Amino acid sequence: MISFSSGFCTFRICYLAFFIGAKKMSEPKIAQKFPYKEAVVSDKSYYWCRCGQSSKQPFCDGSHEGTDFLPEKVTFEENKEVYFCGCKNSSNGAFCDGTHKNL
């Protein structure tokens, strides 16, 4: 077993936290490389998953807990169909801008 210490975190503890369930992440998980087409209704709040870990894509299910990500709240003024980003890398927030084509 390799072990060294740096401040409060020993190598062993950091290694285990990183490889066994730690959810700290700086980049979102790509949920899919194409958008989610969804029918939305006016005056309802939708929470788009930013982390990519939700099992209810493209919407948040709380899987981001323990990460640096928070969902993006979106509302609409009319009923319509929209394309939510599936790759989590859009420059247009919750909405697809075609970035997935370059991943």
N, C-alpha and C. Protein backbone atom coordinates (compact mmCIF):
# COMPACT_ATOMS: atom_id res chain seq x y z
N MET A 1 0.85 -1.18 0.00
CA MET A 1 0.00 0.00 0.00
C MET A 1 0.88 1.23 0.00
N ILE A 2 0.62 2.13 -0.94
CA ILE A 2 1.35 3.40 -1.02
C ILE A 2 0.60 4.41 -0.17
N SER A 3 1.35 5.17 0.61
CA SER A 3 0.72 6.18 1.44
C SER A 3 1.65 7.36 1.64
N PHE A 4 1.14 8.56 1.48
CA PHE A 4 1.87 9.76 1.83
C PHE A 4 0.85 10.78 2.29
N SER A 5 1.32 11.81 2.96
CA SER A 5 0.40 12.78 3.53
C SER A 5 0.70 14.17 2.99
N SER A 6 -0.35 14.91 2.72
CA SER A 6 -0.24 16.30 2.29
C SER A 6 -1.37 17.07 2.96
N GLY A 7 -1.05 17.73 4.07
CA GLY A 7 -2.09 18.43 4.82
C GLY A 7 -3.03 17.44 5.48
N PHE A 8 -4.33 17.65 5.34
CA PHE A 8 -5.31 16.76 5.97
C PHE A 8 -5.59 15.51 5.14
N CYS A 9 -5.12 15.48 3.90
CA CYS A 9 -5.49 14.41 2.99
C CYS A 9 -4.32 13.47 2.73
N THR A 10 -4.44 12.25 3.20
CA THR A 10 -3.41 11.27 2.86
C THR A 10 -3.68 10.75 1.46
N PHE A 11 -2.66 10.23 0.81
CA PHE A 11 -2.82 9.69 -0.54
C PHE A 11 -3.89 8.62 -0.55
N ARG A 12 -3.88 7.75 0.42
CA ARG A 12 -4.84 6.65 0.47
C ARG A 12 -6.28 7.17 0.50
N ILE A 13 -6.54 8.14 1.35
CA ILE A 13 -7.88 8.69 1.47
C ILE A 13 -8.28 9.41 0.18
N CYS A 14 -7.39 10.23 -0.38
CA CYS A 14 -7.70 10.94 -1.62
C CYS A 14 -7.95 9.97 -2.76
N TYR A 15 -7.13 8.94 -2.84
CA TYR A 15 -7.27 7.93 -3.88
C TYR A 15 -8.64 7.26 -3.77
N LEU A 16 -9.00 6.87 -2.58
CA LEU A 16 -10.29 6.21 -2.38
C LEU A 16 -11.44 7.15 -2.68
N ALA A 17 -11.35 8.39 -2.25
CA ALA A 17 -12.41 9.35 -2.51
C ALA A 17 -12.56 9.60 -4.00
N PHE A 18 -11.46 9.65 -4.72
CA PHE A 18 -11.50 9.91 -6.15
C PHE A 18 -12.04 8.73 -6.93
N PHE A 19 -11.60 7.53 -6.61
CA PHE A 19 -11.96 6.37 -7.41
C PHE A 19 -13.16 5.58 -6.90
N ILE A 20 -13.61 5.87 -5.70
CA ILE A 20 -14.73 5.12 -5.15
C ILE A 20 -15.85 6.09 -4.76
N GLY A 21 -16.51 6.64 -5.76
CA GLY A 21 -17.74 7.36 -5.51
C GLY A 21 -17.68 8.85 -5.29
N ALA A 22 -16.53 9.47 -5.30
CA ALA A 22 -16.52 10.92 -5.15
C ALA A 22 -17.16 11.53 -6.38
N LYS A 23 -18.00 12.53 -6.20
CA LYS A 23 -18.73 13.07 -7.34
C LYS A 23 -18.24 14.44 -7.76
N LYS A 24 -17.15 14.91 -7.19
CA LYS A 24 -16.62 16.21 -7.63
C LYS A 24 -16.25 16.09 -9.09
N MET A 25 -16.71 17.03 -9.87
CA MET A 25 -16.41 16.99 -11.29
C MET A 25 -16.41 18.41 -11.81
N SER A 26 -15.53 18.69 -12.77
CA SER A 26 -15.47 20.03 -13.33
C SER A 26 -16.04 20.06 -14.74
N GLU A 27 -16.15 18.91 -15.39
CA GLU A 27 -16.71 18.80 -16.73
C GLU A 27 -17.98 17.95 -16.67
N PRO A 28 -19.01 18.35 -17.39
CA PRO A 28 -20.24 17.55 -17.37
C PRO A 28 -20.06 16.24 -18.13
N LYS A 29 -20.84 15.27 -17.78
CA LYS A 29 -20.88 13.99 -18.51
C LYS A 29 -21.75 14.20 -19.76
N ILE A 30 -21.27 13.73 -20.89
CA ILE A 30 -22.06 13.83 -22.12
C ILE A 30 -23.17 12.79 -22.04
N ALA A 31 -24.41 13.25 -21.93
CA ALA A 31 -25.54 12.33 -21.81
C ALA A 31 -25.83 11.66 -23.15
N GLN A 32 -25.76 12.43 -24.23
CA GLN A 32 -25.90 11.90 -25.59
C GLN A 32 -25.40 12.96 -26.57
N LYS A 33 -25.03 12.53 -27.76
CA LYS A 33 -24.46 13.46 -28.75
C LYS A 33 -25.51 13.90 -29.79
N PHE A 34 -26.68 14.20 -29.29
CA PHE A 34 -27.74 14.80 -30.09
C PHE A 34 -28.75 15.41 -29.12
N PRO A 35 -29.56 16.35 -29.58
CA PRO A 35 -30.49 17.03 -28.66
C PRO A 35 -31.69 16.18 -28.26
N TYR A 36 -32.35 16.63 -27.21
CA TYR A 36 -33.61 16.05 -26.76
C TYR A 36 -34.74 16.94 -27.25
N LYS A 37 -35.61 16.42 -28.08
CA LYS A 37 -36.77 17.17 -28.54
C LYS A 37 -37.88 16.99 -27.52
N GLU A 38 -38.35 18.09 -26.96
CA GLU A 38 -39.37 18.04 -25.92
C GLU A 38 -40.47 19.05 -26.19
N ALA A 39 -41.70 18.66 -25.93
CA ALA A 39 -42.84 19.58 -25.98
C ALA A 39 -42.93 20.24 -24.60
N VAL A 40 -42.90 21.56 -24.57
CA VAL A 40 -42.98 22.30 -23.31
C VAL A 40 -44.25 23.12 -23.28
N VAL A 41 -44.68 23.45 -22.07
CA VAL A 41 -45.89 24.25 -21.90
C VAL A 41 -45.54 25.57 -21.23
N SER A 42 -46.35 26.57 -21.53
CA SER A 42 -46.11 27.89 -20.97
C SER A 42 -46.31 27.91 -19.46
N ASP A 43 -45.60 28.81 -18.84
CA ASP A 43 -45.74 29.07 -17.39
C ASP A 43 -45.41 27.87 -16.51
N LYS A 44 -44.65 26.92 -17.02
CA LYS A 44 -44.17 25.80 -16.21
C LYS A 44 -42.65 25.92 -16.14
N SER A 45 -42.09 25.63 -14.99
CA SER A 45 -40.63 25.65 -14.84
C SER A 45 -40.05 24.28 -15.15
N TYR A 46 -38.98 24.29 -15.93
CA TYR A 46 -38.24 23.07 -16.25
C TYR A 46 -36.83 23.25 -15.72
N TYR A 47 -36.25 22.18 -15.21
CA TYR A 47 -34.89 22.23 -14.68
C TYR A 47 -34.00 21.32 -15.51
N TRP A 48 -33.23 21.93 -16.42
CA TRP A 48 -32.36 21.21 -17.33
C TRP A 48 -31.11 20.73 -16.59
N CYS A 49 -30.79 19.46 -16.77
CA CYS A 49 -29.62 18.85 -16.14
C CYS A 49 -28.34 19.39 -16.77
N ARG A 50 -27.46 19.97 -15.96
CA ARG A 50 -26.17 20.48 -16.45
C ARG A 50 -25.05 19.46 -16.28
N CYS A 51 -25.19 18.56 -15.31
CA CYS A 51 -24.08 17.64 -14.98
C CYS A 51 -24.02 16.43 -15.91
N GLY A 52 -25.14 16.06 -16.50
CA GLY A 52 -25.19 14.92 -17.40
C GLY A 52 -25.43 13.59 -16.72
N GLN A 53 -25.59 13.59 -15.41
CA GLN A 53 -25.74 12.33 -14.66
C GLN A 53 -27.19 11.92 -14.41
N SER A 54 -28.14 12.80 -14.69
CA SER A 54 -29.54 12.52 -14.41
C SER A 54 -30.05 11.30 -15.20
N SER A 55 -30.88 10.51 -14.57
CA SER A 55 -31.52 9.38 -15.27
C SER A 55 -32.81 9.83 -15.95
N LYS A 56 -33.15 11.12 -15.79
CA LYS A 56 -34.38 11.66 -16.39
C LYS A 56 -34.04 12.74 -17.43
N GLN A 57 -32.99 12.52 -18.19
CA GLN A 57 -32.55 13.48 -19.20
C GLN A 57 -33.68 13.91 -20.10
N PRO A 58 -33.73 15.18 -20.47
CA PRO A 58 -32.71 16.20 -20.24
C PRO A 58 -32.91 16.96 -18.93
N PHE A 59 -33.80 16.45 -18.09
CA PHE A 59 -34.15 17.17 -16.88
C PHE A 59 -33.42 16.62 -15.64
N CYS A 60 -33.33 17.46 -14.65
CA CYS A 60 -32.60 17.15 -13.41
C CYS A 60 -33.36 16.16 -12.54
N ASP A 61 -32.63 15.23 -11.95
CA ASP A 61 -33.21 14.33 -10.95
C ASP A 61 -32.46 14.41 -9.62
N GLY A 62 -31.57 15.40 -9.50
CA GLY A 62 -30.82 15.57 -8.26
C GLY A 62 -29.49 14.85 -8.23
N SER A 63 -29.13 14.17 -9.31
CA SER A 63 -27.87 13.42 -9.34
C SER A 63 -26.63 14.30 -9.21
N HIS A 64 -26.79 15.61 -9.40
CA HIS A 64 -25.66 16.53 -9.28
C HIS A 64 -25.23 16.75 -7.83
N GLU A 65 -26.01 16.29 -6.88
CA GLU A 65 -25.71 16.53 -5.47
C GLU A 65 -24.28 16.08 -5.15
N GLY A 66 -23.54 16.96 -4.52
CA GLY A 66 -22.15 16.67 -4.19
C GLY A 66 -21.17 17.11 -5.26
N THR A 67 -21.69 17.67 -6.37
CA THR A 67 -20.83 18.20 -7.43
C THR A 67 -20.91 19.72 -7.41
N ASP A 68 -20.21 20.35 -8.33
CA ASP A 68 -20.26 21.80 -8.45
C ASP A 68 -21.36 22.27 -9.39
N PHE A 69 -22.17 21.34 -9.90
CA PHE A 69 -23.21 21.66 -10.87
C PHE A 69 -24.56 21.91 -10.21
N LEU A 70 -25.33 22.80 -10.83
CA LEU A 70 -26.72 23.04 -10.45
C LEU A 70 -27.54 23.02 -11.73
N PRO A 71 -28.82 22.63 -11.66
CA PRO A 71 -29.64 22.63 -12.87
C PRO A 71 -29.94 24.06 -13.33
N GLU A 72 -30.29 24.19 -14.59
CA GLU A 72 -30.68 25.49 -15.14
C GLU A 72 -32.20 25.55 -15.25
N LYS A 73 -32.78 26.53 -14.60
CA LYS A 73 -34.24 26.71 -14.64
C LYS A 73 -34.61 27.44 -15.93
N VAL A 74 -35.56 26.87 -16.67
CA VAL A 74 -36.05 27.52 -17.89
C VAL A 74 -37.57 27.52 -17.89
N THR A 75 -38.14 28.61 -18.41
CA THR A 75 -39.59 28.74 -18.55
C THR A 75 -39.88 29.24 -19.96
N PHE A 76 -41.11 29.07 -20.39
CA PHE A 76 -41.51 29.45 -21.74
C PHE A 76 -42.79 30.25 -21.68
N GLU A 77 -42.94 31.18 -22.62
CA GLU A 77 -44.13 32.03 -22.68
C GLU A 77 -45.23 31.42 -23.53
N GLU A 78 -44.89 30.32 -24.25
CA GLU A 78 -45.89 29.66 -25.09
C GLU A 78 -45.61 28.17 -25.16
N ASN A 79 -46.61 27.40 -25.47
CA ASN A 79 -46.44 25.96 -25.68
C ASN A 79 -45.71 25.77 -27.00
N LYS A 80 -44.67 24.93 -27.01
CA LYS A 80 -43.93 24.70 -28.25
C LYS A 80 -43.00 23.50 -28.08
N GLU A 81 -42.32 23.12 -29.16
CA GLU A 81 -41.31 22.07 -29.11
C GLU A 81 -39.94 22.74 -29.10
N VAL A 82 -39.06 22.26 -28.22
CA VAL A 82 -37.71 22.81 -28.14
C VAL A 82 -36.70 21.66 -28.18
N TYR A 83 -35.46 22.01 -28.45
CA TYR A 83 -34.37 21.04 -28.50
C TYR A 83 -33.40 21.34 -27.38
N PHE A 84 -33.49 20.54 -26.31
CA PHE A 84 -32.58 20.69 -25.18
C PHE A 84 -31.24 20.03 -25.50
N CYS A 85 -30.18 20.66 -25.05
CA CYS A 85 -28.82 20.14 -25.27
C CYS A 85 -28.65 18.80 -24.57
N GLY A 86 -28.10 17.82 -25.29
CA GLY A 86 -27.83 16.51 -24.72
C GLY A 86 -26.36 16.31 -24.38
N CYS A 87 -25.48 17.10 -25.02
CA CYS A 87 -24.04 16.92 -24.80
C CYS A 87 -23.52 17.72 -23.61
N LYS A 88 -24.32 18.65 -23.13
CA LYS A 88 -23.99 19.50 -21.97
C LYS A 88 -22.84 20.45 -22.24
N ASN A 89 -22.58 20.74 -23.50
CA ASN A 89 -21.48 21.65 -23.87
C ASN A 89 -21.95 22.81 -24.74
N SER A 90 -23.24 23.01 -24.87
CA SER A 90 -23.78 24.07 -25.71
C SER A 90 -23.40 25.46 -25.19
N SER A 91 -23.11 26.37 -26.10
CA SER A 91 -22.87 27.77 -25.72
C SER A 91 -24.19 28.50 -25.52
N ASN A 92 -25.27 27.79 -25.76
CA ASN A 92 -26.62 28.35 -25.64
C ASN A 92 -27.34 27.79 -24.42
N GLY A 93 -26.59 27.46 -23.38
CA GLY A 93 -27.18 26.97 -22.14
C GLY A 93 -27.94 25.67 -22.33
N ALA A 94 -29.19 25.66 -21.94
CA ALA A 94 -30.02 24.45 -21.98
C ALA A 94 -30.39 24.03 -23.40
N PHE A 95 -30.17 24.90 -24.37
CA PHE A 95 -30.65 24.64 -25.72
C PHE A 95 -29.52 24.26 -26.67
N CYS A 96 -29.80 23.31 -27.53
CA CYS A 96 -28.81 22.79 -28.47
C CYS A 96 -28.34 23.88 -29.43
N ASP A 97 -27.02 23.94 -29.63
CA ASP A 97 -26.44 24.84 -30.62
C ASP A 97 -25.59 24.09 -31.64
N GLY A 98 -25.66 22.76 -31.62
CA GLY A 98 -24.92 21.95 -32.57
C GLY A 98 -23.52 21.56 -32.14
N THR A 99 -23.10 21.96 -30.95
CA THR A 99 -21.75 21.64 -30.46
C THR A 99 -21.50 20.13 -30.48
N HIS A 100 -22.52 19.32 -30.25
CA HIS A 100 -22.37 17.86 -30.20
C HIS A 100 -21.75 17.30 -31.48
N LYS A 101 -21.90 18.00 -32.59
CA LYS A 101 -21.36 17.53 -33.87
C LYS A 101 -19.84 17.53 -33.89
N ASN A 102 -19.21 18.30 -32.98
CA ASN A 102 -17.76 18.41 -32.93
C ASN A 102 -17.12 17.64 -31.78
N LEU A 103 -17.90 16.87 -31.07
CA LEU A 103 -17.36 16.12 -29.91
C LEU A 103 -16.89 14.74 -30.32
